Amino acid sequence: MFVANRPSSEELRAFVAKSADLPLSYSPVGIARQAPAGFSLDQAKVVLGRGEAVFLKAKAALLRWAHFELGWVELFPPGAPVATGTVVAMVVRHLGFWSVNGCKVVYGVEEVREVREFGFAYGTLTNHAETGEEIFKIVQDTDTSEVVYTIRAVSKPQALLARCGYPVARALQARFRRDSTAAMLRAVG
């Protein structure tokens, strides 16, 4: 949904409520773990530090969606639970207008092997300008104790405006990855 002004909290609540009944705009769930044909694959990572305290701060930051505290992007509702099935609106201010995009948390990531991982993925709903899935996770190397925030996304344009303005959409996606990694550095700093 593209609008001239920032939607009110009431309008965003209604958007999220309507989005709860919508299907994902892609299949199968888990495509961000692969590199499917026809989708752009994007990745970013940043070293947050070392040790248990950094891992726990980073995990807490993901759980409160700190990686979306960017100024030009916000998540609605604030403080939404990071749980499979949670529906949120990603509200973006760009190029003099706003877009509101529905997303759903589709799975969690939590493992301990040669690396310790925590995170989640969300997928786009049919009312999102893009089609795809994005994984946000914290990875700690169990040997070195290094803690890294990673983003891995697969996407392609869905809305007409996103298709027509594809270079701009790609630039906004790159900006999101850059700003999100910076937000995570601030959150654990």
C-alpha atoms as a PDB file:
ATOM      1  CA  MET A   1       0.000   0.000   0.000  1.00  0.00           C
ATOM      2  CA  PHE A   2       1.445   3.367  -1.030  1.00  0.00           C
ATOM      3  CA  VAL A   3       0.155   6.552   0.641  1.00  0.00           C
ATOM      4  CA  ALA A   4       1.039  10.261   0.698  1.00  0.00           C
ATOM      5  CA  ASN A   5       1.127  10.598   4.510  1.00  0.00           C
ATOM      6  CA  ARG A   6       2.164   8.361   7.380  1.00  0.00           C
ATOM      7  CA  PRO A   7      -0.819   6.213   8.334  1.00  0.00           C
ATOM      8  CA  SER A   8      -2.248   6.695  11.831  1.00  0.00           C
ATOM      9  CA  SER A   9      -1.916   4.015  14.492  1.00  0.00           C
ATOM     10  CA  GLU A  10      -5.597   3.201  13.969  1.00  0.00           C
ATOM     11  CA  GLU A  11      -5.049   2.733  10.216  1.00  0.00           C
ATOM     12  CA  LEU A  12      -1.988   0.556  10.869  1.00  0.00           C
ATOM     13  CA  ARG A  13      -3.917  -1.598  13.372  1.00  0.00           C
ATOM     14  CA  ALA A  14      -6.612  -2.127  10.718  1.00  0.00           C
ATOM     15  CA  PHE A  15      -3.944  -2.961   8.105  1.00  0.00           C
ATOM     16  CA  VAL A  16      -2.363  -5.582  10.382  1.00  0.00           C
ATOM     17  CA  ALA A  17      -5.779  -7.047  11.254  1.00  0.00           C
ATOM     18  CA  LYS A  18      -6.646  -7.425   7.543  1.00  0.00           C
ATOM     19  CA  SER A  19      -3.172  -8.784   6.801  1.00  0.00           C
ATOM     20  CA  ALA A  20      -3.634 -11.603   9.312  1.00  0.00           C
ATOM     21  CA  ASP A  21      -5.968 -13.356   6.865  1.00  0.00           C
ATOM     22  CA  LEU A  22      -3.702 -13.005   3.836  1.00  0.00           C
ATOM     23  CA  PRO A  23      -1.467 -15.745   2.447  1.00  0.00           C
ATOM     24  CA  LEU A  24       2.245 -15.467   1.869  1.00  0.00           C
ATOM     25  CA  SER A  25       3.104 -14.099  -1.567  1.00  0.00           C
ATOM     26  CA  TYR A  26       5.565 -16.928  -2.274  1.00  0.00           C
ATOM     27  CA  SER A  27       6.216 -20.580  -1.579  1.00  0.00           C
ATOM     28  CA  PRO A  28       7.691 -22.635  -0.130  1.00  0.00           C
ATOM     29  CA  VAL A  29       8.507 -21.265   3.306  1.00  0.00           C
ATOM     30  CA  GLY A  30      12.278 -21.436   3.696  1.00  0.00           C
ATOM     31  CA  ILE A  31      13.269 -20.029   0.301  1.00  0.00           C
ATOM     32  CA  ALA A  32      15.698 -17.574   1.927  1.00  0.00           C
ATOM     33  CA  ARG A  33      17.849 -20.576   2.874  1.00  0.00           C
ATOM     34  CA  GLN A  34      18.270 -21.251  -0.846  1.00  0.00           C
ATOM     35  CA  ALA A  35      18.925 -19.077  -3.889  1.00  0.00           C
ATOM     36  CA  PRO A  36      15.814 -19.677  -6.011  1.00  0.00           C
ATOM     37  CA  ALA A  37      15.780 -18.736  -9.682  1.00  0.00           C
ATOM     38  CA  GLY A  38      14.052 -15.443 -10.420  1.00  0.00           C
ATOM     39  CA  PHE A  39      14.808 -13.942  -6.986  1.00  0.00           C
ATOM     40  CA  SER A  40      17.560 -11.515  -6.006  1.00  0.00           C
ATOM     41  CA  LEU A  41      19.719 -12.856  -3.166  1.00  0.00           C
ATOM     42  CA  ASP A  42      21.121 -10.308  -0.722  1.00  0.00           C
ATOM     43  CA  GLN A  43      23.265 -10.804   2.350  1.00  0.00           C
ATOM     44  CA  ALA A  44      24.864  -8.583   4.941  1.00  0.00           C
ATOM     45  CA  LYS A  45      26.754  -9.253   8.123  1.00  0.00           C
ATOM     46  CA  VAL A  46      28.555  -7.341  10.817  1.00  0.00           C
ATOM     47  CA  VAL A  47      30.702  -8.481  13.732  1.00  0.00           C
ATOM     48  CA  LEU A  48      29.051  -7.280  16.935  1.00  0.00           C
ATOM     49  CA  GLY A  49      31.790  -8.391  19.327  1.00  0.00           C
ATOM     50  CA  ARG A  50      32.724 -11.460  21.308  1.00  0.00           C
ATOM     51  CA  GLY A  51      31.345 -13.401  24.233  1.00  0.00           C
ATOM     52  CA  GLU A  52      28.193 -14.451  25.982  1.00  0.00           C
ATOM     53  CA  ALA A  53      27.175 -10.937  27.033  1.00  0.00           C
ATOM     54  CA  VAL A  54      27.291  -9.709  23.407  1.00  0.00           C
ATOM     55  CA  PHE A  55      25.308 -12.743  22.197  1.00  0.00           C
ATOM     56  CA  LEU A  56      22.611 -12.181  24.830  1.00  0.00           C
ATOM     57  CA  LYS A  57      22.390  -8.426  24.076  1.00  0.00           C
ATOM     58  CA  ALA A  58      22.106  -9.168  20.366  1.00  0.00           C
ATOM     59  CA  LYS A  59      19.417 -11.802  20.975  1.00  0.00           C
ATOM     60  CA  ALA A  60      17.440  -9.342  23.112  1.00  0.00           C
ATOM     61  CA  ALA A  61      17.816  -6.708  20.374  1.00  0.00           C
ATOM     62  CA  LEU A  62      16.371  -9.072  17.753  1.00  0.00           C
ATOM     63  CA  LEU A  63      13.477  -9.949  20.042  1.00  0.00           C
ATOM     64  CA  ARG A  64      12.547  -6.262  20.348  1.00  0.00           C
ATOM     65  CA  TRP A  65      13.062  -5.634  16.609  1.00  0.00           C
ATOM     66  CA  ALA A  66      15.951  -3.189  17.239  1.00  0.00           C
ATOM     67  CA  HIS A  67      17.226  -3.971  13.737  1.00  0.00           C
ATOM     68  CA  PHE A  68      14.214  -1.988  12.439  1.00  0.00           C
ATOM     69  CA  GLU A  69      14.938   1.158  14.495  1.00  0.00           C
ATOM     70  CA  LEU A  70      16.156   3.103  11.484  1.00  0.00           C
ATOM     71  CA  GLY A  71      14.234   6.379  11.455  1.00  0.00           C
ATOM     72  CA  TRP A  72      12.885   5.877   7.929  1.00  0.00           C
ATOM     73  CA  VAL A  73      11.566   2.335   8.582  1.00  0.00           C
ATOM     74  CA  GLU A  74       9.394   1.268  11.466  1.00  0.00           C
ATOM     75  CA  LEU A  75       7.647  -1.865  12.511  1.00  0.00           C
ATOM     76  CA  PHE A  76       4.011  -1.929  13.608  1.00  0.00           C
ATOM     77  CA  PRO A  77       2.914  -2.871  16.139  1.00  0.00           C
ATOM     78  CA  PRO A  78       5.947  -1.897  18.201  1.00  0.00           C
ATOM     79  CA  GLY A  79       7.068  -4.756  20.404  1.00  0.00           C
ATOM     80  CA  ALA A  80       5.302  -7.432  18.350  1.00  0.00           C
ATOM     81  CA  PRO A  81       6.286 -10.902  19.556  1.00  0.00           C
ATOM     82  CA  VAL A  82       8.909 -12.709  17.519  1.00  0.00           C
ATOM     83  CA  ALA A  83       6.891 -15.896  17.143  1.00  0.00           C
ATOM     84  CA  THR A  84       5.847 -17.956  14.146  1.00  0.00           C
ATOM     85  CA  GLY A  85       2.567 -16.564  12.828  1.00  0.00           C
ATOM     86  CA  THR A  86       3.020 -12.998  14.110  1.00  0.00           C
ATOM     87  CA  VAL A  87       1.873 -10.487  11.468  1.00  0.00           C
ATOM     88  CA  VAL A  88       3.469  -7.050  11.312  1.00  0.00           C
ATOM     89  CA  ALA A  89       3.434  -4.016   9.060  1.00  0.00           C
ATOM     90  CA  MET A  90       6.695  -2.622   7.780  1.00  0.00           C
ATOM     91  CA  VAL A  91       6.140   1.123   7.377  1.00  0.00           C
ATOM     92  CA  VAL A  92       8.656   2.856   5.101  1.00  0.00           C
ATOM     93  CA  ARG A  93       9.127   6.549   4.320  1.00  0.00           C
ATOM     94  CA  HIS A  94      10.801   7.048   0.943  1.00  0.00           C
ATOM     95  CA  LEU A  95      10.809   9.423  -2.011  1.00  0.00           C
ATOM     96  CA  GLY A  96       8.227  11.716  -0.424  1.00  0.00           C
ATOM     97  CA  PHE A  97       5.597   9.058   0.285  1.00  0.00           C
ATOM     98  CA  TRP A  98       4.993   6.058   2.536  1.00  0.00           C
ATOM     99  CA  SER A  99       4.543   2.369   1.869  1.00  0.00           C
ATOM    100  CA  VAL A 100       2.974  -0.121   4.244  1.00  0.00           C
ATOM    101  CA  ASN A 101       3.842  -3.775   3.699  1.00  0.00           C
ATOM    102  CA  GLY A 102       2.495  -6.882   5.416  1.00  0.00           C
ATOM    103  CA  CYS A 103       4.889  -9.551   6.718  1.00  0.00           C
ATOM    104  CA  LYS A 104       4.534 -12.683   8.812  1.00  0.00           C
ATOM    105  CA  VAL A 105       7.124 -14.414  10.983  1.00  0.00           C
ATOM    106  CA  VAL A 106       7.418 -17.822   9.305  1.00  0.00           C
ATOM    107  CA  TYR A 107      10.030 -19.671  11.380  1.00  0.00           C
ATOM    108  CA  GLY A 108      12.616 -19.343  14.094  1.00  0.00           C
ATOM    109  CA  VAL A 109      16.283 -20.238  14.073  1.00  0.00           C
ATOM    110  CA  GLU A 110      17.937 -21.582  17.203  1.00  0.00           C
ATOM    111  CA  GLU A 111      20.759 -24.081  17.081  1.00  0.00           C
ATOM    112  CA  VAL A 112      23.991 -24.920  18.845  1.00  0.00           C
ATOM    113  CA  ARG A 113      26.592 -26.862  16.865  1.00  0.00           C
ATOM    114  CA  GLU A 114      29.973 -25.542  15.761  1.00  0.00           C
ATOM    115  CA  VAL A 115      28.139 -22.200  15.818  1.00  0.00           C
ATOM    116  CA  ARG A 116      25.365 -20.983  18.063  1.00  0.00           C
ATOM    117  CA  GLU A 117      22.479 -19.329  16.213  1.00  0.00           C
ATOM    118  CA  PHE A 118      19.374 -17.412  17.151  1.00  0.00           C
ATOM    119  CA  GLY A 119      17.000 -15.574  14.865  1.00  0.00           C
ATOM    120  CA  PHE A 120      13.899 -15.702  12.740  1.00  0.00           C
ATOM    121  CA  ALA A 121      12.614 -15.261   9.224  1.00  0.00           C
ATOM    122  CA  TYR A 122       9.670 -13.323   7.978  1.00  0.00           C
ATOM    123  CA  GLY A 123       7.893 -13.652   4.697  1.00  0.00           C
ATOM    124  CA  THR A 124       5.973 -11.183   2.587  1.00  0.00           C
ATOM    125  CA  LEU A 125       2.211 -11.281   2.427  1.00  0.00           C
ATOM    126  CA  THR A 126       0.223 -10.567  -0.730  1.00  0.00           C
ATOM    127  CA  ASN A 127      -0.141  -6.889   0.298  1.00  0.00           C
ATOM    128  CA  HIS A 128       3.636  -6.313   0.255  1.00  0.00           C
ATOM    129  CA  ALA A 129       5.353  -4.439  -2.598  1.00  0.00           C
ATOM    130  CA  GLU A 130       7.938  -7.243  -2.832  1.00  0.00           C
ATOM    131  CA  THR A 131       7.752 -11.016  -2.782  1.00  0.00           C
ATOM    132  CA  GLY A 132      10.238 -12.917  -0.664  1.00  0.00           C
ATOM    133  CA  GLU A 133      11.647 -13.956   2.659  1.00  0.00           C
ATOM    134  CA  GLU A 134      14.275 -12.509   4.976  1.00  0.00           C
ATOM    135  CA  ILE A 135      16.294 -14.171   7.746  1.00  0.00           C
ATOM    136  CA  PHE A 136      17.664 -12.116  10.636  1.00  0.00           C
ATOM    137  CA  LYS A 137      20.015 -13.981  12.948  1.00  0.00           C
ATOM    138  CA  ILE A 138      22.814 -13.794  15.435  1.00  0.00           C
ATOM    139  CA  VAL A 139      25.618 -16.320  14.996  1.00  0.00           C
ATOM    140  CA  GLN A 140      28.291 -17.038  17.584  1.00  0.00           C
ATOM    141  CA  ASP A 141      31.306 -19.139  16.706  1.00  0.00           C
ATOM    142  CA  THR A 142      31.726 -21.573  19.608  1.00  0.00           C
ATOM    143  CA  ASP A 143      35.535 -21.650  19.170  1.00  0.00           C
ATOM    144  CA  THR A 144      36.308 -17.931  18.849  1.00  0.00           C
ATOM    145  CA  SER A 145      33.188 -16.587  20.647  1.00  0.00           C
ATOM    146  CA  GLU A 146      32.772 -14.006  17.824  1.00  0.00           C
ATOM    147  CA  VAL A 147      29.160 -12.788  17.489  1.00  0.00           C
ATOM    148  CA  VAL A 148      27.887 -11.790  14.035  1.00  0.00           C
ATOM    149  CA  TYR A 149      24.545 -10.323  12.950  1.00  0.00           C
ATOM    150  CA  THR A 150      23.480 -11.594   9.538  1.00  0.00           C
ATOM    151  CA  ILE A 151      20.694 -10.780   7.110  1.00  0.00           C
ATOM    152  CA  ARG A 152      19.878 -13.065   4.196  1.00  0.00           C
ATOM    153  CA  ALA A 153      17.030 -12.172   1.860  1.00  0.00           C
ATOM    154  CA  VAL A 154      15.519 -13.335  -1.383  1.00  0.00           C
ATOM    155  CA  SER A 155      13.104 -11.032  -3.151  1.00  0.00           C
ATOM    156  CA  LYS A 156      11.561  -9.857  -6.361  1.00  0.00           C
ATOM    157  CA  PRO A 157       9.151  -6.997  -7.045  1.00  0.00           C
ATOM    158  CA  GLN A 158       5.434  -7.690  -6.779  1.00  0.00           C
ATOM    159  CA  ALA A 159       3.625  -4.319  -6.920  1.00  0.00           C
ATOM    160  CA  LEU A 160       3.581  -2.402 -10.188  1.00  0.00           C
ATOM    161  CA  LEU A 161       5.370   0.549  -8.593  1.00  0.00           C
ATOM    162  CA  ALA A 162       8.102  -1.767  -7.270  1.00  0.00           C
ATOM    163  CA  ARG A 163       8.516  -3.337 -10.721  1.00  0.00           C
ATOM    164  CA  CYS A 164       8.630   0.026 -12.509  1.00  0.00           C
ATOM    165  CA  GLY A 165      11.000   1.485  -9.932  1.00  0.00           C
ATOM    166  CA  TYR A 166      13.105  -1.653  -9.509  1.00  0.00           C
ATOM    167  CA  PRO A 167      16.479   0.175  -9.306  1.00  0.00           C
ATOM    168  CA  VAL A 168      15.065   2.406  -6.562  1.00  0.00           C
ATOM    169  CA  ALA A 169      13.618  -0.620  -4.727  1.00  0.00           C
ATOM    170  CA  ARG A 170      17.017  -2.346  -4.880  1.00  0.00           C
ATOM    171  CA  ALA A 171      18.714   0.798  -3.524  1.00  0.00           C
ATOM    172  CA  LEU A 172      16.227   0.912  -0.630  1.00  0.00           C
ATOM    173  CA  GLN A 173      16.881  -2.760   0.135  1.00  0.00           C
ATOM    174  CA  ALA A 174      20.644  -2.083   0.225  1.00  0.00           C
ATOM    175  CA  ARG A 175      20.052   0.919   2.485  1.00  0.00           C
ATOM    176  CA  PHE A 176      17.942  -1.229   4.810  1.00  0.00           C
ATOM    177  CA  ARG A 177      20.715  -3.829   5.131  1.00  0.00           C
ATOM    178  CA  ARG A 178      23.324  -1.146   5.806  1.00  0.00           C
ATOM    179  CA  ASP A 179      21.162   0.701   8.347  1.00  0.00           C
ATOM    180  CA  SER A 180      19.975  -2.512  10.028  1.00  0.00           C
ATOM    181  CA  THR A 181      23.543  -3.682  10.668  1.00  0.00           C
ATOM    182  CA  ALA A 182      24.336  -0.233  12.110  1.00  0.00           C
ATOM    183  CA  ALA A 183      21.237  -0.444  14.330  1.00  0.00           C
ATOM    184  CA  MET A 184      22.389  -3.791  15.706  1.00  0.00           C
ATOM    185  CA  LEU A 185      25.837  -2.367  16.445  1.00  0.00           C
ATOM    186  CA  ARG A 186      24.155   0.456  18.407  1.00  0.00           C
ATOM    187  CA  ALA A 187      21.883  -2.002  20.214  1.00  0.00           C
ATOM    188  CA  VAL A 188      24.765  -4.075  21.586  1.00  0.00           C
ATOM    189  CA  GLY A 189      27.231  -1.167  21.966  1.00  0.00           C
END
